[in-house]
Amino acid sequence: MNILIVRSASRIFYKTLRQLKTEFPESVVTVIATEDAAFDLARDKDIDELVIVPSKSRMKLRHLGLKRIFQLRRKRFDLAVSLYNYDSGVGYSNIDFMIWAFSPKKHRGYNVYGQYMECTKGRLLARLIREKASFVFISLNVVFTVLLFFAVTLGILLEGITRKFYSAFAKRELHG
């Protein structure tokens, strides 16, 4: 069994690793982690290969680089694992997308209780939409608020100009 783990949620990493080694004792485990975690992970006897991603704000597929992405794809993982600090897994779509890019036969998402769920493409897409939807709605709200502000301001300005024009015209008619 060829297993890939993306070490995203550090507090449940070792618990999940031990569970996987118990379930699949003869497995070969590859771990993708940031440079911050490399020192501790390099000494773990249950990790066969460690792939280091430069420490950035969030771990993303593009941080691996094309050469490494293709190297990992060639390994044809039987199982890939996402780790979630939260039950819903929301906030980890970048990790799920990373795993999806490696085309594993199966994909599991583990939560803080050590429980897992099979991650299907439909579930991952739904989670991605849920996660990104709030950002989109907030952005749309800001854009439409600004547009409405300008529309109302323009309307008030045009009304003021129109009133001055008709007021001047009415005065001329009365006196003229």
C-alpha atoms as a PDB file:
ATOM      1  CA  MET A   1       0.000   0.000   0.000  1.00  0.00           C
ATOM      2  CA  ASN A   2       1.460   3.331  -1.105  1.00  0.00           C
ATOM      3  CA  ILE A   3       0.129   6.124   1.154  1.00  0.00           C
ATOM      4  CA  LEU A   4       0.440   9.900   0.856  1.00  0.00           C
ATOM      5  CA  ILE A   5      -0.234  12.159   3.850  1.00  0.00           C
ATOM      6  CA  VAL A   6      -0.340  15.917   3.557  1.00  0.00           C
ATOM      7  CA  ARG A   7       0.609  17.191   7.004  1.00  0.00           C
ATOM      8  CA  SER A   8      -1.755  20.124   7.278  1.00  0.00           C
ATOM      9  CA  ALA A   9      -3.328  19.704  10.713  1.00  0.00           C
ATOM     10  CA  SER A  10      -0.350  19.013  12.943  1.00  0.00           C
ATOM     11  CA  ARG A  11      -2.189  18.101  16.139  1.00  0.00           C
ATOM     12  CA  ILE A  12      -3.711  14.981  14.615  1.00  0.00           C
ATOM     13  CA  PHE A  13      -0.817  13.956  12.375  1.00  0.00           C
ATOM     14  CA  TYR A  14       0.868  11.377  14.619  1.00  0.00           C
ATOM     15  CA  LYS A  15      -2.401   9.821  15.762  1.00  0.00           C
ATOM     16  CA  THR A  16      -3.470   9.390  12.135  1.00  0.00           C
ATOM     17  CA  LEU A  17      -0.058   8.085  11.069  1.00  0.00           C
ATOM     18  CA  ARG A  18      -0.153   5.406  13.800  1.00  0.00           C
ATOM     19  CA  GLN A  19      -3.708   4.419  12.822  1.00  0.00           C
ATOM     20  CA  LEU A  20      -2.684   4.029   9.190  1.00  0.00           C
ATOM     21  CA  LYS A  21       0.392   1.974  10.081  1.00  0.00           C
ATOM     22  CA  THR A  22      -1.808  -0.280  12.232  1.00  0.00           C
ATOM     23  CA  GLU A  23      -4.367  -0.659   9.443  1.00  0.00           C
ATOM     24  CA  PHE A  24      -1.730  -1.087   6.698  1.00  0.00           C
ATOM     25  CA  PRO A  25       1.434  -2.405   8.432  1.00  0.00           C
ATOM     26  CA  GLU A  26       3.403  -2.998   5.215  1.00  0.00           C
ATOM     27  CA  SER A  27       2.589   0.409   3.757  1.00  0.00           C
ATOM     28  CA  VAL A  28       5.070   2.894   2.334  1.00  0.00           C
ATOM     29  CA  VAL A  29       4.265   6.373   3.650  1.00  0.00           C
ATOM     30  CA  THR A  30       5.136   9.609   1.887  1.00  0.00           C
ATOM     31  CA  VAL A  31       4.504  12.828   3.812  1.00  0.00           C
ATOM     32  CA  ILE A  32       4.268  16.318   2.367  1.00  0.00           C
ATOM     33  CA  ALA A  33       5.049  18.937   5.004  1.00  0.00           C
ATOM     34  CA  THR A  34       6.372  22.454   5.404  1.00  0.00           C
ATOM     35  CA  GLU A  35       9.999  23.139   6.277  1.00  0.00           C
ATOM     36  CA  ASP A  36       8.913  24.104   9.798  1.00  0.00           C
ATOM     37  CA  ALA A  37       7.958  20.490  10.513  1.00  0.00           C
ATOM     38  CA  ALA A  38      10.803  18.799   8.641  1.00  0.00           C
ATOM     39  CA  PHE A  39      13.196  18.327  11.557  1.00  0.00           C
ATOM     40  CA  ASP A  40      10.715  16.371  13.720  1.00  0.00           C
ATOM     41  CA  LEU A  41       9.268  14.364  10.840  1.00  0.00           C
ATOM     42  CA  ALA A  42      12.658  13.336   9.422  1.00  0.00           C
ATOM     43  CA  ARG A  43      13.314  11.267  12.566  1.00  0.00           C
ATOM     44  CA  ASP A  44      10.011   9.342  12.479  1.00  0.00           C
ATOM     45  CA  LYS A  45      10.580   5.666  11.583  1.00  0.00           C
ATOM     46  CA  ASP A  46       7.058   5.317  10.123  1.00  0.00           C
ATOM     47  CA  ILE A  47       7.736   7.898   7.403  1.00  0.00           C
ATOM     48  CA  ASP A  48       9.494   6.461   4.356  1.00  0.00           C
ATOM     49  CA  GLU A  49       9.766   9.655   2.319  1.00  0.00           C
ATOM     50  CA  LEU A  50       9.462  13.285   3.311  1.00  0.00           C
ATOM     51  CA  VAL A  51       8.638  15.953   0.727  1.00  0.00           C
ATOM     52  CA  ILE A  52       9.319  19.461   1.991  1.00  0.00           C
ATOM     53  CA  VAL A  53       7.302  22.463   0.846  1.00  0.00           C
ATOM     54  CA  PRO A  54       8.721  25.931   1.509  1.00  0.00           C
ATOM     55  CA  SER A  55       6.961  27.528   4.480  1.00  0.00           C
ATOM     56  CA  LYS A  56       4.374  29.943   3.160  1.00  0.00           C
ATOM     57  CA  SER A  57       1.149  31.318   4.565  1.00  0.00           C
ATOM     58  CA  ARG A  58      -0.781  28.230   3.393  1.00  0.00           C
ATOM     59  CA  MET A  59       0.408  25.020   1.824  1.00  0.00           C
ATOM     60  CA  LYS A  60      -0.618  24.984  -1.842  1.00  0.00           C
ATOM     61  CA  LEU A  61       0.000  22.743  -4.814  1.00  0.00           C
ATOM     62  CA  ARG A  62       1.986  25.414  -6.670  1.00  0.00           C
ATOM     63  CA  HIS A  63       4.487  25.568  -3.784  1.00  0.00           C
ATOM     64  CA  LEU A  64       5.684  22.078  -4.754  1.00  0.00           C
ATOM     65  CA  GLY A  65       6.752  23.025  -8.271  1.00  0.00           C
ATOM     66  CA  LEU A  66       5.995  21.108 -11.465  1.00  0.00           C
ATOM     67  CA  LYS A  67       8.938  18.696 -11.225  1.00  0.00           C
ATOM     68  CA  ARG A  68       7.894  17.460  -7.764  1.00  0.00           C
ATOM     69  CA  ILE A  69       4.222  17.306  -8.739  1.00  0.00           C
ATOM     70  CA  PHE A  70       5.025  14.980 -11.649  1.00  0.00           C
ATOM     71  CA  GLN A  71       7.372  12.892  -9.488  1.00  0.00           C
ATOM     72  CA  LEU A  72       4.603  12.386  -6.925  1.00  0.00           C
ATOM     73  CA  ARG A  73       1.985  11.612  -9.577  1.00  0.00           C
ATOM     74  CA  ARG A  74       4.223   8.820 -10.907  1.00  0.00           C
ATOM     75  CA  LYS A  75       4.117   7.106  -7.500  1.00  0.00           C
ATOM     76  CA  ARG A  76       0.435   6.223  -8.070  1.00  0.00           C
ATOM     77  CA  PHE A  77      -0.715   6.414  -4.468  1.00  0.00           C
ATOM     78  CA  ASP A  78      -3.265   3.863  -3.293  1.00  0.00           C
ATOM     79  CA  LEU A  79      -4.449   6.151  -0.518  1.00  0.00           C
ATOM     80  CA  ALA A  80      -4.030   9.863   0.140  1.00  0.00           C
ATOM     81  CA  VAL A  81      -4.915  11.474   3.452  1.00  0.00           C
ATOM     82  CA  SER A  82      -6.111  14.970   4.366  1.00  0.00           C
ATOM     83  CA  LEU A  83      -5.975  15.984   8.007  1.00  0.00           C
ATOM     84  CA  TYR A  84      -8.595  18.368   9.373  1.00  0.00           C
ATOM     85  CA  ASN A  85      -8.485  20.237  12.682  1.00  0.00           C
ATOM     86  CA  TYR A  86     -12.218  20.787  12.336  1.00  0.00           C
ATOM     87  CA  ASP A  87     -14.998  18.260  11.928  1.00  0.00           C
ATOM     88  CA  SER A  88     -16.334  19.877   8.780  1.00  0.00           C
ATOM     89  CA  GLY A  89     -12.960  20.103   7.060  1.00  0.00           C
ATOM     90  CA  VAL A  90     -13.779  23.629   5.941  1.00  0.00           C
ATOM     91  CA  GLY A  91     -10.652  25.693   5.373  1.00  0.00           C
ATOM     92  CA  TYR A  92      -8.655  22.818   3.917  1.00  0.00           C
ATOM     93  CA  SER A  93      -9.749  22.872   0.262  1.00  0.00           C
ATOM     94  CA  ASN A  94      -6.172  23.759  -0.750  1.00  0.00           C
ATOM     95  CA  ILE A  95      -4.999  20.458   0.774  1.00  0.00           C
ATOM     96  CA  ASP A  96      -7.800  18.485  -0.852  1.00  0.00           C
ATOM     97  CA  PHE A  97      -6.999  20.095  -4.199  1.00  0.00           C
ATOM     98  CA  MET A  98      -3.335  19.159  -3.730  1.00  0.00           C
ATOM     99  CA  ILE A  99      -4.278  15.540  -3.099  1.00  0.00           C
ATOM    100  CA  TRP A 100      -6.731  15.482  -5.997  1.00  0.00           C
ATOM    101  CA  ALA A 101      -3.874  16.541  -8.324  1.00  0.00           C
ATOM    102  CA  PHE A 102      -1.958  13.343  -7.451  1.00  0.00           C
ATOM    103  CA  SER A 103      -4.886  11.090  -8.508  1.00  0.00           C
ATOM    104  CA  PRO A 104      -4.832   8.589  -5.637  1.00  0.00           C
ATOM    105  CA  LYS A 105      -7.083   5.533  -5.837  1.00  0.00           C
ATOM    106  CA  LYS A 106      -8.730   6.575  -2.562  1.00  0.00           C
ATOM    107  CA  HIS A 107      -8.775   9.772  -0.557  1.00  0.00           C
ATOM    108  CA  ARG A 108      -9.635   9.982   3.121  1.00  0.00           C
ATOM    109  CA  GLY A 109     -10.163  12.984   5.330  1.00  0.00           C
ATOM    110  CA  TYR A 110      -9.330  12.458   9.017  1.00  0.00           C
ATOM    111  CA  ASN A 111     -10.762  14.685  11.762  1.00  0.00           C
ATOM    112  CA  VAL A 112      -9.585  15.421  15.307  1.00  0.00           C
ATOM    113  CA  TYR A 113     -11.352  12.326  16.647  1.00  0.00           C
ATOM    114  CA  GLY A 114      -9.308   9.989  14.461  1.00  0.00           C
ATOM    115  CA  GLN A 115     -12.370   9.219  12.367  1.00  0.00           C
ATOM    116  CA  TYR A 116     -12.241   9.391   8.627  1.00  0.00           C
ATOM    117  CA  MET A 117     -14.562   9.814   5.726  1.00  0.00           C
ATOM    118  CA  GLU A 118     -13.984   8.867   2.134  1.00  0.00           C
ATOM    119  CA  CYS A 119     -13.494  12.012   0.090  1.00  0.00           C
ATOM    120  CA  THR A 120     -15.231  11.736  -3.249  1.00  0.00           C
ATOM    121  CA  LYS A 121     -14.854  14.327  -5.992  1.00  0.00           C
ATOM    122  CA  GLY A 122     -18.439  15.455  -5.354  1.00  0.00           C
ATOM    123  CA  ARG A 123     -17.763  15.994  -1.637  1.00  0.00           C
ATOM    124  CA  LEU A 124     -14.563  17.860  -2.354  1.00  0.00           C
ATOM    125  CA  LEU A 125     -16.293  20.111  -4.878  1.00  0.00           C
ATOM    126  CA  ALA A 126     -19.134  20.819  -2.419  1.00  0.00           C
ATOM    127  CA  ARG A 127     -16.601  21.675   0.315  1.00  0.00           C
ATOM    128  CA  LEU A 128     -14.665  23.934  -2.046  1.00  0.00           C
ATOM    129  CA  ILE A 129     -17.854  25.790  -2.988  1.00  0.00           C
ATOM    130  CA  ARG A 130     -18.881  26.166   0.679  1.00  0.00           C
ATOM    131  CA  GLU A 131     -15.443  27.442   1.596  1.00  0.00           C
ATOM    132  CA  LYS A 132     -15.063  29.898  -1.262  1.00  0.00           C
ATOM    133  CA  ALA A 133     -18.720  30.989  -1.407  1.00  0.00           C
ATOM    134  CA  SER A 134     -18.508  33.217   1.665  1.00  0.00           C
ATOM    135  CA  PHE A 135     -15.548  35.080   0.155  1.00  0.00           C
ATOM    136  CA  VAL A 136     -17.411  35.491  -3.137  1.00  0.00           C
ATOM    137  CA  PHE A 137     -20.580  36.724  -1.430  1.00  0.00           C
ATOM    138  CA  ILE A 138     -18.681  39.236   0.692  1.00  0.00           C
ATOM    139  CA  SER A 139     -16.830  40.491  -2.386  1.00  0.00           C
ATOM    140  CA  LEU A 140     -20.070  40.821  -4.353  1.00  0.00           C
ATOM    141  CA  ASN A 141     -21.660  42.619  -1.414  1.00  0.00           C
ATOM    142  CA  VAL A 142     -18.818  45.158  -1.354  1.00  0.00           C
ATOM    143  CA  VAL A 143     -18.959  45.703  -5.122  1.00  0.00           C
ATOM    144  CA  PHE A 144     -22.727  46.198  -5.181  1.00  0.00           C
ATOM    145  CA  THR A 145     -22.627  48.475  -2.121  1.00  0.00           C
ATOM    146  CA  VAL A 146     -20.076  50.706  -3.854  1.00  0.00           C
ATOM    147  CA  LEU A 147     -22.119  50.683  -7.081  1.00  0.00           C
ATOM    148  CA  LEU A 148     -25.310  51.559  -5.214  1.00  0.00           C
ATOM    149  CA  PHE A 149     -23.520  54.347  -3.335  1.00  0.00           C
ATOM    150  CA  PHE A 150     -22.374  55.886  -6.618  1.00  0.00           C
ATOM    151  CA  ALA A 151     -25.809  55.414  -8.215  1.00  0.00           C
ATOM    152  CA  VAL A 152     -27.590  57.108  -5.289  1.00  0.00           C
ATOM    153  CA  THR A 153     -24.978  59.898  -5.153  1.00  0.00           C
ATOM    154  CA  LEU A 154     -25.294  60.453  -8.905  1.00  0.00           C
ATOM    155  CA  GLY A 155     -29.091  60.468  -8.602  1.00  0.00           C
ATOM    156  CA  ILE A 156     -29.022  63.087  -5.842  1.00  0.00           C
ATOM    157  CA  LEU A 157     -26.535  65.191  -7.822  1.00  0.00           C
ATOM    158  CA  LEU A 158     -28.677  65.008 -10.983  1.00  0.00           C
ATOM    159  CA  GLU A 159     -31.797  65.862  -8.988  1.00  0.00           C
ATOM    160  CA  GLY A 160     -30.056  68.939  -7.557  1.00  0.00           C
ATOM    161  CA  ILE A 161     -28.918  70.077 -11.016  1.00  0.00           C
ATOM    162  CA  THR A 162     -32.417  69.494 -12.448  1.00  0.00           C
ATOM    163  CA  ARG A 163     -34.045  71.471  -9.624  1.00  0.00           C
ATOM    164  CA  LYS A 164     -31.648  74.407 -10.148  1.00  0.00           C
ATOM    165  CA  PHE A 165     -32.313  74.352 -13.895  1.00  0.00           C
ATOM    166  CA  TYR A 166     -36.116  74.320 -13.489  1.00  0.00           C
ATOM    167  CA  SER A 167     -35.931  76.895 -10.690  1.00  0.00           C
ATOM    168  CA  ALA A 168     -33.932  79.258 -12.921  1.00  0.00           C
ATOM    169  CA  PHE A 169     -36.291  78.544 -15.828  1.00  0.00           C
ATOM    170  CA  ALA A 170     -39.395  79.215 -13.669  1.00  0.00           C
ATOM    171  CA  LYS A 171     -37.924  82.496 -12.377  1.00  0.00           C
ATOM    172  CA  ARG A 172     -37.248  83.638 -15.944  1.00  0.00           C
ATOM    173  CA  GLU A 173     -40.833  82.787 -16.993  1.00  0.00           C
ATOM    174  CA  LEU A 174     -42.280  84.695 -14.034  1.00  0.00           C
ATOM    175  CA  HIS A 175     -40.160  87.798 -14.542  1.00  0.00           C
ATOM    176  CA  GLY A 176     -39.848  87.633 -18.203  1.00  0.00           C
END
